[in-house]
N, C-alpha and C. Protein backbone atom coordinates (compact mmCIF):
# COMPACT_ATOMS: atom_id res chain seq x y z
N MET A 1 11.27 -8.05 1.28
CA MET A 1 10.67 -7.21 2.30
C MET A 1 10.74 -5.74 1.94
N LEU A 2 11.85 -5.30 1.39
CA LEU A 2 11.96 -3.93 0.91
C LEU A 2 12.12 -3.99 -0.59
N ARG A 3 11.15 -3.46 -1.30
CA ARG A 3 11.17 -3.50 -2.76
C ARG A 3 11.80 -2.23 -3.32
N THR A 4 12.66 -2.41 -4.31
CA THR A 4 13.28 -1.29 -5.02
C THR A 4 13.26 -1.60 -6.52
N ASN A 5 13.47 -0.58 -7.33
CA ASN A 5 13.47 -0.77 -8.78
C ASN A 5 14.38 0.29 -9.41
N GLN A 6 15.66 -0.03 -9.52
CA GLN A 6 16.64 0.93 -10.02
C GLN A 6 16.44 1.25 -11.51
N SER A 7 15.93 0.31 -12.30
CA SER A 7 15.68 0.56 -13.72
C SER A 7 14.63 1.66 -13.89
N PHE A 8 13.56 1.58 -13.10
CA PHE A 8 12.50 2.59 -13.18
C PHE A 8 13.02 3.95 -12.72
N LEU A 9 13.83 3.95 -11.66
CA LEU A 9 14.40 5.20 -11.16
C LEU A 9 15.28 5.84 -12.23
N HIS A 10 16.13 5.06 -12.86
CA HIS A 10 17.02 5.59 -13.91
C HIS A 10 16.20 6.18 -15.07
N TYR A 11 15.16 5.46 -15.48
CA TYR A 11 14.29 5.94 -16.56
C TYR A 11 13.66 7.28 -16.20
N LEU A 12 13.08 7.38 -15.00
CA LEU A 12 12.37 8.61 -14.62
C LEU A 12 13.33 9.77 -14.39
N GLU A 13 14.51 9.49 -13.88
CA GLU A 13 15.50 10.56 -13.72
C GLU A 13 15.86 11.16 -15.07
N GLY A 14 15.96 10.30 -16.09
CA GLY A 14 16.22 10.78 -17.45
C GLY A 14 15.10 11.70 -17.94
N LEU A 15 13.85 11.29 -17.74
CA LEU A 15 12.72 12.13 -18.13
C LEU A 15 12.71 13.46 -17.37
N TYR A 16 13.01 13.39 -16.09
CA TYR A 16 13.01 14.59 -15.25
C TYR A 16 14.00 15.63 -15.78
N HIS A 17 15.20 15.17 -16.14
CA HIS A 17 16.23 16.09 -16.60
C HIS A 17 16.00 16.58 -18.03
N GLN A 18 15.21 15.85 -18.83
CA GLN A 18 14.93 16.25 -20.21
C GLN A 18 13.69 17.13 -20.34
N GLN A 19 12.84 17.14 -19.33
CA GLN A 19 11.55 17.83 -19.43
C GLN A 19 11.71 19.34 -19.60
N LYS A 20 10.68 19.92 -20.17
CA LYS A 20 10.66 21.37 -20.36
C LYS A 20 9.44 22.01 -19.69
N GLY A 21 8.39 21.22 -19.43
CA GLY A 21 7.14 21.81 -18.98
C GLY A 21 6.80 21.68 -17.51
N GLY A 22 7.64 21.07 -16.70
CA GLY A 22 7.33 20.92 -15.27
C GLY A 22 6.31 19.84 -14.97
N ASP A 23 6.23 18.83 -15.87
CA ASP A 23 5.28 17.73 -15.64
C ASP A 23 5.77 16.76 -14.58
N ILE A 24 7.06 16.82 -14.26
CA ILE A 24 7.63 15.98 -13.20
C ILE A 24 8.33 16.91 -12.21
N LEU A 25 7.91 16.83 -10.96
CA LEU A 25 8.51 17.65 -9.90
C LEU A 25 9.19 16.75 -8.89
N LEU A 26 10.14 17.30 -8.16
CA LEU A 26 10.80 16.58 -7.09
C LEU A 26 10.27 17.14 -5.78
N ARG A 27 9.78 16.26 -4.90
CA ARG A 27 9.18 16.72 -3.64
C ARG A 27 9.74 15.93 -2.47
N TYR A 28 9.87 16.62 -1.35
CA TYR A 28 10.37 16.03 -0.11
C TYR A 28 9.20 15.75 0.82
N PHE A 29 9.19 14.56 1.45
CA PHE A 29 8.18 14.18 2.44
C PHE A 29 8.91 13.84 3.73
N SER A 30 8.42 14.36 4.83
CA SER A 30 9.02 14.06 6.13
C SER A 30 8.55 12.70 6.62
N LYS A 31 9.36 12.08 7.48
CA LYS A 31 8.98 10.83 8.12
C LYS A 31 7.60 10.99 8.76
N GLY A 32 6.71 10.02 8.49
CA GLY A 32 5.35 10.06 9.03
C GLY A 32 4.33 10.75 8.14
N GLU A 33 4.79 11.43 7.10
CA GLU A 33 3.88 12.13 6.19
C GLU A 33 3.20 11.14 5.24
N THR A 34 1.95 11.42 4.92
CA THR A 34 1.18 10.58 4.01
C THR A 34 1.42 11.03 2.57
N LEU A 35 1.78 10.06 1.71
CA LEU A 35 1.98 10.35 0.30
C LEU A 35 0.69 10.12 -0.48
N LEU A 36 -0.02 9.02 -0.18
CA LEU A 36 -1.32 8.71 -0.78
C LEU A 36 -2.25 8.22 0.32
N THR A 37 -3.52 8.55 0.20
CA THR A 37 -4.51 8.16 1.20
C THR A 37 -5.49 7.15 0.61
N GLN A 38 -5.66 6.04 1.30
CA GLN A 38 -6.58 5.00 0.86
C GLN A 38 -7.97 5.59 0.62
N ASP A 39 -8.60 5.21 -0.49
CA ASP A 39 -9.95 5.62 -0.90
C ASP A 39 -10.06 7.07 -1.36
N ALA A 40 -8.97 7.83 -1.33
CA ALA A 40 -9.00 9.22 -1.81
C ALA A 40 -8.78 9.22 -3.32
N PRO A 41 -9.31 10.25 -4.01
CA PRO A 41 -9.05 10.33 -5.45
C PRO A 41 -7.55 10.48 -5.71
N LEU A 42 -7.08 9.88 -6.77
CA LEU A 42 -5.67 9.97 -7.13
C LEU A 42 -5.40 11.34 -7.74
N SER A 43 -4.37 12.02 -7.25
CA SER A 43 -4.04 13.34 -7.79
C SER A 43 -2.69 13.37 -8.47
N LYS A 44 -1.89 12.29 -8.30
CA LYS A 44 -0.55 12.25 -8.89
C LYS A 44 -0.03 10.83 -8.88
N VAL A 45 0.88 10.56 -9.79
CA VAL A 45 1.66 9.33 -9.77
C VAL A 45 3.01 9.72 -9.20
N MET A 46 3.60 8.84 -8.41
CA MET A 46 4.88 9.15 -7.78
C MET A 46 5.88 8.02 -7.99
N LEU A 47 7.14 8.38 -7.95
CA LEU A 47 8.21 7.40 -7.96
C LEU A 47 9.20 7.81 -6.88
N ILE A 48 9.53 6.87 -6.00
CA ILE A 48 10.42 7.16 -4.88
C ILE A 48 11.85 7.28 -5.39
N LYS A 49 12.46 8.41 -5.10
CA LYS A 49 13.87 8.60 -5.43
C LYS A 49 14.74 8.09 -4.28
N GLU A 50 14.41 8.52 -3.07
CA GLU A 50 15.16 8.10 -1.87
C GLU A 50 14.20 7.94 -0.72
N GLY A 51 14.50 7.01 0.16
CA GLY A 51 13.69 6.81 1.36
C GLY A 51 12.88 5.54 1.30
N ILE A 52 12.12 5.31 2.38
CA ILE A 52 11.31 4.10 2.49
C ILE A 52 9.91 4.47 2.94
N VAL A 53 8.91 3.85 2.30
CA VAL A 53 7.51 4.05 2.65
C VAL A 53 6.88 2.70 2.98
N LYS A 54 5.77 2.78 3.69
CA LYS A 54 4.98 1.57 3.90
C LYS A 54 3.71 1.71 3.07
N CYS A 55 3.31 0.62 2.45
CA CYS A 55 2.08 0.53 1.67
C CYS A 55 1.13 -0.32 2.50
N TYR A 56 -0.03 0.23 2.87
CA TYR A 56 -0.89 -0.48 3.81
C TYR A 56 -2.38 -0.30 3.48
N PHE A 57 -3.16 -1.27 3.92
CA PHE A 57 -4.62 -1.22 3.87
C PHE A 57 -5.11 -0.97 5.29
N THR A 58 -6.12 -0.13 5.42
CA THR A 58 -6.83 -0.01 6.68
C THR A 58 -8.16 -0.71 6.48
N GLU A 59 -8.39 -1.75 7.25
CA GLU A 59 -9.62 -2.54 7.12
C GLU A 59 -10.80 -1.81 7.77
N GLU A 60 -12.00 -2.30 7.51
CA GLU A 60 -13.22 -1.68 8.05
C GLU A 60 -13.22 -1.62 9.57
N ASN A 61 -12.51 -2.56 10.22
CA ASN A 61 -12.44 -2.56 11.68
C ASN A 61 -11.37 -1.61 12.21
N GLY A 62 -10.72 -0.86 11.31
CA GLY A 62 -9.71 0.11 11.70
C GLY A 62 -8.31 -0.45 11.80
N LYS A 63 -8.15 -1.77 11.62
CA LYS A 63 -6.83 -2.37 11.72
C LYS A 63 -6.07 -2.18 10.41
N GLU A 64 -4.77 -1.99 10.58
CA GLU A 64 -3.89 -1.76 9.45
C GLU A 64 -3.18 -3.06 9.08
N TYR A 65 -3.01 -3.29 7.78
CA TYR A 65 -2.23 -4.41 7.30
C TYR A 65 -1.22 -3.87 6.30
N ILE A 66 0.07 -4.03 6.60
CA ILE A 66 1.11 -3.54 5.71
C ILE A 66 1.37 -4.57 4.62
N VAL A 67 1.16 -4.13 3.40
CA VAL A 67 1.36 -4.99 2.24
C VAL A 67 2.84 -5.12 1.92
N GLU A 68 3.54 -3.99 1.96
CA GLU A 68 4.94 -3.99 1.53
C GLU A 68 5.64 -2.74 2.01
N PHE A 69 6.96 -2.83 2.11
CA PHE A 69 7.82 -1.68 2.32
C PHE A 69 8.45 -1.38 0.97
N LEU A 70 8.38 -0.12 0.54
CA LEU A 70 8.86 0.26 -0.79
C LEU A 70 9.97 1.29 -0.67
N GLY A 71 10.97 1.16 -1.55
CA GLY A 71 12.10 2.08 -1.54
C GLY A 71 12.37 2.66 -2.91
N SER A 72 13.59 3.03 -3.12
CA SER A 72 14.07 3.71 -4.31
C SER A 72 13.60 3.03 -5.61
N GLY A 73 12.97 3.82 -6.49
CA GLY A 73 12.55 3.34 -7.79
C GLY A 73 11.17 2.72 -7.84
N GLU A 74 10.49 2.63 -6.72
CA GLU A 74 9.15 2.05 -6.72
C GLU A 74 8.12 3.12 -7.09
N ILE A 75 7.19 2.73 -7.94
CA ILE A 75 6.16 3.64 -8.45
C ILE A 75 4.88 3.49 -7.64
N LEU A 76 4.17 4.61 -7.47
CA LEU A 76 2.95 4.66 -6.67
C LEU A 76 1.84 5.34 -7.45
N GLY A 77 0.66 4.74 -7.47
CA GLY A 77 -0.50 5.37 -8.09
C GLY A 77 -0.76 4.98 -9.53
N GLU A 78 0.14 4.21 -10.13
CA GLU A 78 -0.03 3.86 -11.54
C GLU A 78 -1.21 2.93 -11.76
N VAL A 79 -1.46 2.00 -10.85
CA VAL A 79 -2.59 1.07 -11.00
C VAL A 79 -3.90 1.85 -10.93
N GLU A 80 -3.97 2.76 -9.98
CA GLU A 80 -5.19 3.58 -9.83
C GLU A 80 -5.43 4.44 -11.07
N LEU A 81 -4.37 4.98 -11.64
CA LEU A 81 -4.52 5.78 -12.85
C LEU A 81 -5.00 4.92 -14.02
N ILE A 82 -4.38 3.78 -14.20
CA ILE A 82 -4.74 2.89 -15.31
C ILE A 82 -6.19 2.42 -15.17
N LYS A 83 -6.60 2.06 -13.96
CA LYS A 83 -7.97 1.56 -13.72
C LYS A 83 -8.98 2.68 -13.46
N ASN A 84 -8.49 3.92 -13.33
CA ASN A 84 -9.35 5.07 -13.05
C ASN A 84 -10.16 4.86 -11.77
N ILE A 85 -9.44 4.54 -10.69
CA ILE A 85 -10.07 4.29 -9.38
C ILE A 85 -9.38 5.13 -8.31
N SER A 86 -10.02 5.19 -7.15
CA SER A 86 -9.42 5.86 -6.00
C SER A 86 -8.23 5.04 -5.49
N CYS A 87 -7.45 5.65 -4.62
CA CYS A 87 -6.26 4.98 -4.09
C CYS A 87 -6.63 3.70 -3.36
N LEU A 88 -6.01 2.61 -3.75
CA LEU A 88 -6.28 1.30 -3.16
C LEU A 88 -5.76 1.19 -1.74
N CYS A 89 -4.65 1.86 -1.46
CA CYS A 89 -4.05 1.74 -0.13
C CYS A 89 -3.44 3.08 0.27
N GLY A 90 -3.02 3.13 1.51
CA GLY A 90 -2.33 4.31 2.01
C GLY A 90 -0.83 4.11 1.85
N ILE A 91 -0.12 5.22 1.64
CA ILE A 91 1.33 5.20 1.56
C ILE A 91 1.84 6.25 2.54
N GLU A 92 2.70 5.80 3.47
CA GLU A 92 3.24 6.70 4.49
C GLU A 92 4.75 6.59 4.54
N ALA A 93 5.42 7.73 4.70
CA ALA A 93 6.88 7.76 4.77
C ALA A 93 7.36 7.18 6.10
N LEU A 94 8.20 6.14 6.05
CA LEU A 94 8.82 5.59 7.25
C LEU A 94 10.13 6.31 7.57
N THR A 95 10.72 6.89 6.54
CA THR A 95 11.92 7.71 6.67
C THR A 95 11.62 9.00 5.90
N ASP A 96 12.53 9.94 5.94
CA ASP A 96 12.38 11.09 5.05
C ASP A 96 12.45 10.54 3.62
N VAL A 97 11.59 11.06 2.76
CA VAL A 97 11.46 10.54 1.40
C VAL A 97 11.55 11.69 0.39
N THR A 98 12.27 11.43 -0.69
CA THR A 98 12.26 12.32 -1.84
C THR A 98 11.61 11.53 -2.97
N ALA A 99 10.61 12.15 -3.61
CA ALA A 99 9.87 11.44 -4.66
C ALA A 99 9.63 12.34 -5.86
N TYR A 100 9.62 11.72 -7.02
CA TYR A 100 9.22 12.42 -8.23
C TYR A 100 7.69 12.41 -8.28
N ILE A 101 7.09 13.57 -8.52
CA ILE A 101 5.64 13.71 -8.63
C ILE A 101 5.34 13.92 -10.12
N ILE A 102 4.53 13.05 -10.68
CA ILE A 102 4.28 13.08 -12.12
C ILE A 102 2.83 13.48 -12.39
N ASN A 103 2.66 14.47 -13.21
CA ASN A 103 1.34 14.94 -13.62
C ASN A 103 0.57 13.79 -14.27
N LEU A 104 -0.71 13.64 -13.89
CA LEU A 104 -1.52 12.51 -14.38
C LEU A 104 -1.68 12.51 -15.91
N ALA A 105 -1.96 13.65 -16.48
CA ALA A 105 -2.14 13.73 -17.94
C ALA A 105 -0.84 13.37 -18.66
N TYR A 106 0.26 13.85 -18.14
CA TYR A 106 1.57 13.54 -18.72
C TYR A 106 1.86 12.04 -18.64
N PHE A 107 1.58 11.44 -17.48
CA PHE A 107 1.83 10.00 -17.32
C PHE A 107 0.92 9.19 -18.25
N ASN A 108 -0.33 9.60 -18.37
CA ASN A 108 -1.25 8.93 -19.31
C ASN A 108 -0.71 8.99 -20.73
N ASN A 109 -0.17 10.13 -21.10
CA ASN A 109 0.41 10.30 -22.43
C ASN A 109 1.62 9.38 -22.61
N LEU A 110 2.44 9.26 -21.58
CA LEU A 110 3.59 8.35 -21.65
C LEU A 110 3.14 6.91 -21.83
N ILE A 111 2.08 6.52 -21.12
CA ILE A 111 1.57 5.15 -21.24
C ILE A 111 1.16 4.88 -22.69
N LYS A 112 0.54 5.85 -23.33
CA LYS A 112 0.08 5.66 -24.71
C LYS A 112 1.21 5.69 -25.73
N ASN A 113 2.32 6.38 -25.41
CA ASN A 113 3.32 6.63 -26.45
C ASN A 113 4.74 6.14 -26.16
N ASP A 114 5.04 5.71 -24.95
CA ASP A 114 6.42 5.37 -24.61
C ASP A 114 6.54 3.87 -24.30
N ILE A 115 7.11 3.14 -25.25
CA ILE A 115 7.24 1.69 -25.10
C ILE A 115 8.17 1.34 -23.94
N ALA A 116 9.18 2.16 -23.68
CA ALA A 116 10.10 1.89 -22.56
C ALA A 116 9.33 1.92 -21.24
N LEU A 117 8.45 2.90 -21.08
CA LEU A 117 7.63 2.97 -19.86
C LEU A 117 6.74 1.74 -19.76
N ASN A 118 6.15 1.34 -20.85
CA ASN A 118 5.27 0.17 -20.82
C ASN A 118 6.02 -1.10 -20.41
N HIS A 119 7.25 -1.24 -20.88
CA HIS A 119 8.07 -2.39 -20.47
C HIS A 119 8.37 -2.34 -18.98
N LEU A 120 8.68 -1.14 -18.48
CA LEU A 120 8.96 -0.99 -17.05
C LEU A 120 7.72 -1.30 -16.21
N LEU A 121 6.56 -0.85 -16.68
CA LEU A 121 5.31 -1.12 -15.96
C LEU A 121 5.00 -2.62 -15.95
N LEU A 122 5.12 -3.26 -17.11
CA LEU A 122 4.87 -4.70 -17.17
C LEU A 122 5.81 -5.46 -16.24
N ASN A 123 7.08 -5.07 -16.24
CA ASN A 123 8.05 -5.71 -15.37
C ASN A 123 7.69 -5.48 -13.90
N SER A 124 7.26 -4.27 -13.57
CA SER A 124 6.87 -3.94 -12.20
C SER A 124 5.65 -4.76 -11.77
N PHE A 125 4.65 -4.88 -12.65
CA PHE A 125 3.46 -5.67 -12.32
C PHE A 125 3.81 -7.15 -12.13
N ALA A 126 4.66 -7.67 -13.01
CA ALA A 126 5.08 -9.07 -12.90
C ALA A 126 5.83 -9.29 -11.59
N GLU A 127 6.70 -8.36 -11.24
CA GLU A 127 7.46 -8.45 -9.98
C GLU A 127 6.52 -8.46 -8.79
N ARG A 128 5.49 -7.64 -8.81
CA ARG A 128 4.52 -7.59 -7.71
C ARG A 128 3.76 -8.91 -7.58
N ILE A 129 3.40 -9.50 -8.70
CA ILE A 129 2.70 -10.79 -8.65
C ILE A 129 3.61 -11.85 -8.05
N ILE A 130 4.86 -11.88 -8.49
CA ILE A 130 5.83 -12.83 -7.95
C ILE A 130 6.02 -12.60 -6.45
N ASN A 131 6.20 -11.35 -6.05
CA ASN A 131 6.42 -11.04 -4.64
C ASN A 131 5.22 -11.39 -3.78
N THR A 132 4.03 -11.12 -4.28
CA THR A 132 2.81 -11.44 -3.52
C THR A 132 2.68 -12.95 -3.36
N SER A 133 2.93 -13.70 -4.42
CA SER A 133 2.86 -15.16 -4.36
C SER A 133 3.92 -15.71 -3.42
N SER A 134 5.13 -15.18 -3.51
CA SER A 134 6.21 -15.63 -2.65
C SER A 134 5.90 -15.35 -1.19
N ARG A 135 5.39 -14.16 -0.92
CA ARG A 135 5.08 -13.81 0.47
C ARG A 135 3.97 -14.70 1.02
N ALA A 136 2.96 -14.97 0.22
CA ALA A 136 1.86 -15.84 0.67
C ALA A 136 2.38 -17.24 1.00
N SER A 137 3.20 -17.80 0.12
CA SER A 137 3.72 -19.14 0.39
C SER A 137 4.69 -19.11 1.57
N TYR A 138 5.48 -18.06 1.67
CA TYR A 138 6.43 -17.91 2.77
C TYR A 138 5.68 -17.90 4.11
N GLN A 139 4.57 -17.17 4.16
CA GLN A 139 3.79 -17.10 5.39
C GLN A 139 3.16 -18.45 5.75
N GLN A 140 2.90 -19.26 4.76
CA GLN A 140 2.35 -20.58 5.01
C GLN A 140 3.42 -21.57 5.47
N LEU A 141 4.63 -21.41 4.95
CA LEU A 141 5.69 -22.38 5.20
C LEU A 141 6.56 -22.07 6.42
N TYR A 142 6.65 -20.82 6.79
CA TYR A 142 7.54 -20.42 7.88
C TYR A 142 6.74 -19.84 9.04
N THR A 143 7.33 -19.90 10.20
CA THR A 143 6.68 -19.36 11.40
C THR A 143 6.75 -17.84 11.40
N VAL A 144 5.89 -17.23 12.19
CA VAL A 144 5.91 -15.79 12.35
C VAL A 144 7.26 -15.36 12.93
N GLU A 145 7.82 -16.17 13.79
CA GLU A 145 9.12 -15.86 14.38
C GLU A 145 10.20 -15.73 13.30
N HIS A 146 10.16 -16.61 12.33
CA HIS A 146 11.14 -16.57 11.24
C HIS A 146 10.96 -15.30 10.41
N THR A 147 9.72 -14.96 10.10
CA THR A 147 9.44 -13.75 9.32
C THR A 147 9.84 -12.51 10.11
N LEU A 148 9.57 -12.52 11.41
CA LEU A 148 9.97 -11.40 12.27
C LEU A 148 11.49 -11.24 12.26
N ALA A 149 12.22 -12.34 12.33
CA ALA A 149 13.68 -12.28 12.29
C ALA A 149 14.15 -11.62 11.00
N GLN A 150 13.53 -11.98 9.87
CA GLN A 150 13.87 -11.37 8.59
C GLN A 150 13.56 -9.87 8.59
N LEU A 151 12.45 -9.50 9.19
CA LEU A 151 12.06 -8.09 9.29
C LEU A 151 13.07 -7.31 10.13
N LEU A 152 13.50 -7.90 11.23
CA LEU A 152 14.50 -7.24 12.09
C LEU A 152 15.83 -7.08 11.37
N ILE A 153 16.21 -8.06 10.56
CA ILE A 153 17.44 -7.96 9.77
C ILE A 153 17.32 -6.82 8.76
N MET A 154 16.18 -6.74 8.07
CA MET A 154 15.96 -5.66 7.10
C MET A 154 16.03 -4.31 7.79
N GLN A 155 15.42 -4.20 8.96
CA GLN A 155 15.44 -2.95 9.73
C GLN A 155 16.87 -2.54 10.05
N SER A 156 17.68 -3.50 10.46
CA SER A 156 19.07 -3.23 10.81
C SER A 156 19.88 -2.82 9.57
N LYS A 157 19.71 -3.56 8.47
CA LYS A 157 20.45 -3.26 7.24
C LYS A 157 20.11 -1.87 6.69
N GLN A 158 18.84 -1.49 6.78
CA GLN A 158 18.39 -0.21 6.25
C GLN A 158 18.58 0.93 7.25
N ASN A 159 18.99 0.58 8.47
CA ASN A 159 19.20 1.55 9.53
C ASN A 159 17.95 2.41 9.76
N ILE A 160 16.81 1.72 9.89
CA ILE A 160 15.55 2.41 10.16
C ILE A 160 14.91 1.81 11.41
N GLN A 161 14.00 2.54 11.99
CA GLN A 161 13.22 2.07 13.12
C GLN A 161 11.81 1.78 12.63
N ILE A 162 11.37 0.56 12.78
CA ILE A 162 10.00 0.19 12.45
C ILE A 162 9.28 -0.01 13.77
N SER A 163 8.19 0.71 13.96
CA SER A 163 7.45 0.63 15.22
C SER A 163 6.88 -0.78 15.41
N LYS A 164 6.59 -1.10 16.66
CA LYS A 164 5.98 -2.40 16.96
C LYS A 164 4.62 -2.52 16.27
N GLU A 165 3.91 -1.41 16.18
CA GLU A 165 2.61 -1.42 15.51
C GLU A 165 2.77 -1.79 14.04
N ASP A 166 3.79 -1.21 13.39
CA ASP A 166 4.03 -1.51 11.98
C ASP A 166 4.54 -2.94 11.78
N MET A 167 5.39 -3.41 12.69
CA MET A 167 5.84 -4.80 12.59
C MET A 167 4.66 -5.75 12.70
N ALA A 168 3.80 -5.50 13.68
CA ALA A 168 2.62 -6.36 13.87
C ALA A 168 1.71 -6.28 12.65
N ALA A 169 1.53 -5.08 12.09
CA ALA A 169 0.68 -4.91 10.91
C ALA A 169 1.26 -5.64 9.70
N TYR A 170 2.58 -5.67 9.58
CA TYR A 170 3.21 -6.39 8.47
C TYR A 170 3.06 -7.90 8.64
N LEU A 171 3.17 -8.36 9.89
CA LEU A 171 3.08 -9.79 10.17
C LEU A 171 1.64 -10.29 10.26
N GLY A 172 0.68 -9.36 10.35
CA GLY A 172 -0.72 -9.74 10.45
C GLY A 172 -1.08 -10.28 11.83
N ILE A 173 -0.43 -9.74 12.86
CA ILE A 173 -0.69 -10.17 14.24
C ILE A 173 -0.93 -8.94 15.11
N THR A 174 -1.33 -9.17 16.35
CA THR A 174 -1.52 -8.07 17.29
C THR A 174 -0.18 -7.67 17.90
N VAL A 175 -0.12 -6.46 18.44
CA VAL A 175 1.09 -6.00 19.12
C VAL A 175 1.36 -6.90 20.33
N ARG A 176 0.32 -7.33 20.99
CA ARG A 176 0.47 -8.23 22.14
C ARG A 176 1.17 -9.54 21.72
N SER A 177 0.73 -10.11 20.61
CA SER A 177 1.39 -11.33 20.10
C SER A 177 2.84 -11.05 19.72
N LEU A 178 3.08 -9.90 19.11
CA LEU A 178 4.44 -9.52 18.73
C LEU A 178 5.32 -9.42 19.98
N ASN A 179 4.82 -8.79 21.02
CA ASN A 179 5.60 -8.67 22.26
C ASN A 179 5.94 -10.04 22.84
N ARG A 180 4.99 -10.95 22.78
CA ARG A 180 5.22 -12.31 23.28
C ARG A 180 6.33 -12.99 22.48
N ILE A 181 6.28 -12.84 21.15
CA ILE A 181 7.30 -13.45 20.29
C ILE A 181 8.67 -12.82 20.53
N LEU A 182 8.70 -11.48 20.66
CA LEU A 182 9.98 -10.79 20.93
C LEU A 182 10.57 -11.25 22.26
N LYS A 183 9.73 -11.46 23.25
CA LYS A 183 10.19 -11.93 24.55
C LYS A 183 10.80 -13.33 24.42
N ASN A 184 10.16 -14.19 23.64
CA ASN A 184 10.66 -15.56 23.44
C ASN A 184 11.95 -15.59 22.64
N ILE A 185 12.11 -14.65 21.71
CA ILE A 185 13.32 -14.61 20.88
C ILE A 185 14.53 -14.24 21.74
N LYS A 186 14.33 -13.32 22.68
CA LYS A 186 15.44 -12.90 23.55
C LYS A 186 15.81 -14.02 24.45
């Protein structure tokens, strides 16, 4: 439910401290602030140092679907850079977030020349495929109530507040259905 990647974080922190040209900056985002906007041109690649974000799609009907909650060490914008496309989804800070901001040209150069980065990217892509497959099968095999219970446990462990709208968007249900399930759980 909350994805992290400490290997990627360690790698990027090393680059940040070794750099000379300011190609990697550290930036603070307040809770509720947008880091990337769906369908907007990509202007930077980011890696979360601290905090939690939601990765979501807004459908044509205006409804939001949360794909994943991302935390420390998760990279944002790399797929769009590699494919040379606009942002696939929106990224919003659920907590205060500190993130490394990486210049696009610099990141492109790293992709071409740094085998360690390529290994981290391949591992990240493989992890996403596994997580997506697992989540799809999990949603087929378990009830929404069970998934909601897991979400509530994650919220408690991370000491964060996830709005009912975000919970419903993650579960793929309406807020009304979520309220009904919460009432039944109590």
